[in-house]
Each structure stands twice: as structure tokens, then as C-alpha cells.
C-alpha atoms as a PDB file:
ATOM      1  CA  MET A   1     154.606 130.614 140.140  1.00  0.00           C
ATOM      2  CA  LYS A   2     151.512 132.752 140.273  1.00  0.00           C
ATOM      3  CA  ARG A   3     149.214 132.580 137.293  1.00  0.00           C
ATOM      4  CA  LYS A   4     147.986 135.851 135.878  1.00  0.00           C
ATOM      5  CA  VAL A   5     144.315 135.988 135.017  1.00  0.00           C
ATOM      6  CA  ARG A   6     143.110 138.269 132.270  1.00  0.00           C
ATOM      7  CA  ASP A   7     139.513 139.241 131.538  1.00  0.00           C
ATOM      8  CA  CYS A   8     137.855 138.831 128.175  1.00  0.00           C
ATOM      9  CA  ASN A   9     139.283 142.115 126.941  1.00  0.00           C
ATOM     10  CA  GLY A  10     142.846 141.319 128.025  1.00  0.00           C
ATOM     11  CA  PHE A  11     142.871 143.415 131.214  1.00  0.00           C
ATOM     12  CA  MET A  12     144.113 142.119 134.554  1.00  0.00           C
ATOM     13  CA  PRO A  13     141.541 141.932 137.389  1.00  0.00           C
ATOM     14  CA  GLN A  14     142.592 143.913 140.476  1.00  0.00           C
ATOM     15  CA  SER A  15     140.977 141.868 143.288  1.00  0.00           C
ATOM     16  CA  ALA A  16     138.719 138.907 144.066  1.00  0.00           C
ATOM     17  CA  VAL A  17     135.691 141.088 143.342  1.00  0.00           C
ATOM     18  CA  HIS A  18     137.170 141.885 139.968  1.00  0.00           C
ATOM     19  CA  VAL A  19     137.762 138.143 139.331  1.00  0.00           C
ATOM     20  CA  ALA A  20     134.068 137.396 140.013  1.00  0.00           C
ATOM     21  CA  ALA A  21     133.075 140.243 137.714  1.00  0.00           C
ATOM     22  CA  TRP A  22     135.505 138.892 135.140  1.00  0.00           C
ATOM     23  CA  ASP A  23     133.802 135.466 135.250  1.00  0.00           C
ATOM     24  CA  VAL A  24     130.353 137.013 134.741  1.00  0.00           C
ATOM     25  CA  ASP A  25     131.625 139.265 131.949  1.00  0.00           C
ATOM     26  CA  CYS A  26     133.366 136.408 130.137  1.00  0.00           C
ATOM     27  CA  ILE A  27     130.369 134.103 130.439  1.00  0.00           C
ATOM     28  CA  SER A  28     128.140 136.880 129.147  1.00  0.00           C
ATOM     29  CA  VAL A  29     130.413 137.493 126.148  1.00  0.00           C
ATOM     30  CA  ILE A  30     130.630 133.765 125.379  1.00  0.00           C
ATOM     31  CA  MET A  31     126.855 133.337 125.620  1.00  0.00           C
ATOM     32  CA  LYS A  32     126.218 136.325 123.371  1.00  0.00           C
ATOM     33  CA  ALA A  33     128.694 135.019 120.796  1.00  0.00           C
ATOM     34  CA  GLY A  34     127.068 131.557 120.892  1.00  0.00           C
ATOM     35  CA  LEU A  35     123.589 133.032 120.521  1.00  0.00           C
ATOM     36  CA  ALA A  36     124.721 135.165 117.603  1.00  0.00           C
ATOM     37  CA  ALA A  37     126.293 132.133 115.891  1.00  0.00           C
ATOM     38  CA  ALA A  38     123.157 130.029 116.428  1.00  0.00           C
ATOM     39  CA  SER A  39     120.937 132.822 115.092  1.00  0.00           C
ATOM     40  CA  PHE A  40     123.135 133.212 112.044  1.00  0.00           C
ATOM     41  CA  GLY A  41     123.010 129.438 111.454  1.00  0.00           C
ATOM     42  CA  VAL A  42     119.213 129.397 111.615  1.00  0.00           C
ATOM     43  CA  MET A  43     118.965 132.319 109.210  1.00  0.00           C
ATOM     44  CA  LEU A  44     121.447 130.661 106.869  1.00  0.00           C
ATOM     45  CA  LEU A  45     119.545 127.362 106.890  1.00  0.00           C
ATOM     46  CA  SER A  46     116.175 128.992 106.407  1.00  0.00           C
ATOM     47  CA  GLY A  47     117.625 130.978 103.520  1.00  0.00           C
ATOM     48  CA  CYS A  48     118.809 127.765 101.879  1.00  0.00           C
ATOM     49  CA  TYR A  49     115.277 126.418 101.827  1.00  0.00           C
ATOM     50  CA  SER A  50     113.117 129.015 100.149  1.00  0.00           C
ATOM     51  CA  ASN A  51     110.179 126.619  99.988  1.00  0.00           C
ATOM     52  CA  ASN A  52     110.608 125.612 103.637  1.00  0.00           C
ATOM     53  CA  THR A  53     106.980 126.457 104.427  1.00  0.00           C
ATOM     54  CA  ASP A  54     105.700 124.381 101.521  1.00  0.00           C
ATOM     55  CA  ALA A  55     107.877 121.414 102.483  1.00  0.00           C
ATOM     56  CA  LEU A  56     106.739 121.651 106.100  1.00  0.00           C
ATOM     57  CA  ARG A  57     103.078 121.813 105.034  1.00  0.00           C
ATOM     58  CA  GLU A  58     103.507 118.806 102.731  1.00  0.00           C
ATOM     59  CA  HIS A  59     105.359 116.795 105.396  1.00  0.00           C
ATOM     60  CA  THR A  60     102.652 117.600 107.954  1.00  0.00           C
ATOM     61  CA  ALA A  61      99.910 116.531 105.528  1.00  0.00           C
ATOM     62  CA  ASP A  62     101.699 113.211 104.863  1.00  0.00           C
ATOM     63  CA  ALA A  63     102.157 112.569 108.586  1.00  0.00           C
ATOM     64  CA  THR A  64      98.495 113.378 109.262  1.00  0.00           C
ATOM     65  CA  ALA A  65      97.331 110.989 106.531  1.00  0.00           C
ATOM     66  CA  ALA A  66      99.549 108.221 107.945  1.00  0.00           C
ATOM     67  CA  ALA A  67      98.244 108.860 111.461  1.00  0.00           C
ATOM     68  CA  LYS A  68      94.677 108.685 110.164  1.00  0.00           C
ATOM     69  CA  ARG A  69      95.359 105.282 108.552  1.00  0.00           C
ATOM     70  CA  ASP A  70      97.065 104.011 111.696  1.00  0.00           C
ATOM     71  CA  ALA A  71      94.231 105.267 113.903  1.00  0.00           C
ATOM     72  CA  GLY A  72      91.710 103.344 111.773  1.00  0.00           C
ATOM     73  CA  ALA A  73      93.731 100.136 112.106  1.00  0.00           C
ATOM     74  CA  ILE A  74      94.129 100.650 115.842  1.00  0.00           C
ATOM     75  CA  ALA A  75      90.403 101.254 116.275  1.00  0.00           C
ATOM     76  CA  ALA A  76      89.574  98.092 114.302  1.00  0.00           C
ATOM     77  CA  GLY A  77      92.008  96.105 116.445  1.00  0.00           C
ATOM     78  CA  VAL A  78      90.490  97.450 119.657  1.00  0.00           C
ATOM     79  CA  ILE A  79      86.978  96.577 118.493  1.00  0.00           C
ATOM     80  CA  GLU A  80      88.083  93.076 117.505  1.00  0.00           C
ATOM     81  CA  GLY A  81      89.887  92.609 120.820  1.00  0.00           C
ATOM     82  CA  LEU A  82      86.865  93.728 122.828  1.00  0.00           C
ATOM     83  CA  ALA A  83      84.613  91.374 120.876  1.00  0.00           C
ATOM     84  CA  ARG A  84      86.752  88.368 121.788  1.00  0.00           C
ATOM     85  CA  LYS A  85      85.719  86.510 124.893  1.00  0.00           C
ATOM     86  CA  GLY A  86      89.124  85.023 125.606  1.00  0.00           C
ATOM     87  CA  PRO A  87      90.759  81.866 124.321  1.00  0.00           C
ATOM     88  CA  THR A  88      88.588  79.497 122.311  1.00  0.00           C
ATOM     89  CA  ASP A  89      88.080  76.037 123.827  1.00  0.00           C
ATOM     90  CA  ILE A  90      88.802  73.695 120.928  1.00  0.00           C
ATOM     91  CA  ASN A  91      86.803  70.901 122.580  1.00  0.00           C
ATOM     92  CA  ARG A  92      83.581  72.964 122.764  1.00  0.00           C
ATOM     93  CA  ALA A  93      83.762  75.639 120.051  1.00  0.00           C
ATOM     94  CA  SER A  94      81.410  75.542 117.101  1.00  0.00           C
ATOM     95  CA  SER A  95      82.657  75.521 113.537  1.00  0.00           C
ATOM     96  CA  LYS A  96      81.660  79.175 113.259  1.00  0.00           C
ATOM     97  CA  ASP A  97      83.688  80.096 116.373  1.00  0.00           C
ATOM     98  CA  LEU A  98      86.728  78.179 115.129  1.00  0.00           C
ATOM     99  CA  GLN A  99      86.560  79.960 111.777  1.00  0.00           C
ATOM    100  CA  LYS A 100      87.043  83.279 113.590  1.00  0.00           C
ATOM    101  CA  LEU A 101      90.599  82.188 114.359  1.00  0.00           C
ATOM    102  CA  PRO A 102      93.253  83.425 111.883  1.00  0.00           C
ATOM    103  CA  GLY A 103      93.885  80.983 109.038  1.00  0.00           C
ATOM    104  CA  ILE A 104      91.104  78.561 110.027  1.00  0.00           C
ATOM    105  CA  ASP A 105      88.614  77.947 107.226  1.00  0.00           C
ATOM    106  CA  SER A 106      85.568  75.660 107.286  1.00  0.00           C
ATOM    107  CA  ASP A 107      87.626  72.566 106.359  1.00  0.00           C
ATOM    108  CA  ALA A 108      90.126  73.168 109.167  1.00  0.00           C
ATOM    109  CA  ALA A 109      87.310  73.888 111.633  1.00  0.00           C
ATOM    110  CA  ASN A 110      85.580  70.643 110.691  1.00  0.00           C
ATOM    111  CA  ALA A 111      88.866  68.744 111.053  1.00  0.00           C
ATOM    112  CA  ILE A 112      89.340  70.205 114.552  1.00  0.00           C
ATOM    113  CA  ILE A 113      85.813  69.128 115.512  1.00  0.00           C
ATOM    114  CA  ALA A 114      86.334  65.637 114.047  1.00  0.00           C
ATOM    115  CA  GLY A 115      89.535  65.133 116.069  1.00  0.00           C
ATOM    116  CA  ARG A 116      87.943  65.835 119.466  1.00  0.00           C
ATOM    117  CA  PRO A 117      88.511  65.356 122.347  1.00  0.00           C
ATOM    118  CA  TYR A 118      91.918  66.980 122.944  1.00  0.00           C
ATOM    119  CA  ASP A 119      93.940  66.773 126.166  1.00  0.00           C
ATOM    120  CA  ASP A 120      96.029  69.822 125.213  1.00  0.00           C
ATOM    121  CA  THR A 121      96.238  72.208 122.266  1.00  0.00           C
ATOM    122  CA  SER A 122      99.463  70.762 120.879  1.00  0.00           C
ATOM    123  CA  GLN A 123      97.526  67.614 119.938  1.00  0.00           C
ATOM    124  CA  LEU A 124      96.234  69.575 116.948  1.00  0.00           C
ATOM    125  CA  VAL A 125      99.719  69.160 115.447  1.00  0.00           C
ATOM    126  CA  ARG A 126     100.434  65.670 116.827  1.00  0.00           C
ATOM    127  CA  LYS A 127      97.148  64.353 115.385  1.00  0.00           C
ATOM    128  CA  HIS A 128      97.955  66.097 112.075  1.00  0.00           C
ATOM    129  CA  VAL A 129      94.798  68.221 112.260  1.00  0.00           C
ATOM    130  CA  LEU A 130      96.798  71.446 111.724  1.00  0.00           C
ATOM    131  CA  SER A 131     100.267  72.146 110.411  1.00  0.00           C
ATOM    132  CA  ARG A 132     102.856  73.654 112.756  1.00  0.00           C
ATOM    133  CA  PRO A 133     102.591  77.151 111.101  1.00  0.00           C
ATOM    134  CA  GLN A 134      98.774  77.054 111.362  1.00  0.00           C
ATOM    135  CA  PHE A 135      99.002  76.043 115.011  1.00  0.00           C
ATOM    136  CA  ASN A 136     101.581  78.764 115.775  1.00  0.00           C
ATOM    137  CA  ARG A 137      99.217  81.419 114.385  1.00  0.00           C
ATOM    138  CA  ILE A 138      96.371  80.455 116.744  1.00  0.00           C
ATOM    139  CA  ARG A 139      98.286  79.035 119.729  1.00  0.00           C
ATOM    140  CA  ALA A 140      97.704  82.076 121.970  1.00  0.00           C
ATOM    141  CA  GLN A 141      93.980  82.162 121.128  1.00  0.00           C
ATOM    142  CA  ILE A 142      93.044  78.574 121.904  1.00  0.00           C
ATOM    143  CA  MET A 143      92.771  76.382 125.012  1.00  0.00           C
ATOM    144  CA  VAL A 144      91.473  73.046 126.264  1.00  0.00           C
ATOM    145  CA  LYS A 145      89.216  72.726 129.308  1.00  0.00           C
END
């Protein structure tokens, strides 16, 4: 059974050339209808938000303020990272150097110094110089030579 092909307007194509023209015509009609629907949707949505410009301006200002705060924090982190010389050797570091580690105050620094020498960093916990949470905070920033 031969299938009859109709163009977008309901007319039968006469030959293969007409079928190719039919495809182009139908695609063109479909694309124009889709574009018209999308345009109508955009106009409808923009009409629903009469203060769309004000909302966009306010949202942009909020995002800019957040980016400014984040940029300041990032810059401070980069400066701090560049100032570090690598892991701190807990067998040789001064009290002042140890106090630069997060959560280490003068008492903890003095306790680290008093417990020297260390064979490995985990001895800070085994010798009860630091608690496990304190050690976990500085673990990546300390070493033993």
C-alpha cells in the first residue's frame, strides 16, 4: 500500500522535487510557528513583570556585593598561602611559629615544645599534647624531620 504524502497546506506533491520542496516548506512553517510562540511567551512573561528592570538591577547589585566579599576572602587566603613556607616542623618551630597554626595558642605551643622530640606528628595525640580535633585541624600543616 502506497502512502500518500501531503504538504503543509494539504496538497499532494507531484514528484520527488515536489517532496523535497514540501520538506523545506513544512520545516519553514514549523520554525516560524515555533519562533512566533517563543516570541509571544517572552512578551507575555515580560508583561507579567512590570518591574523586571528594577528586579534585575537589584539582583545584579546583590551578586556584585557578594562577589566583592568573596574576592576579598580569596585574596586574603592567597596572601596567607603565599606567606606560608610549607609544613611546620614541630621539632624545630618556635612558639611564635606554632601559634600561627589554627587553634594553637601560647599554652598549646609551649606544650608542643615541652613534649619534644617527636618521631611522627601523631605523637602529639598519643602523648596527650593535643586533642584529636586539635590535631586534625593542623595535621596537613605540620611535619617531623
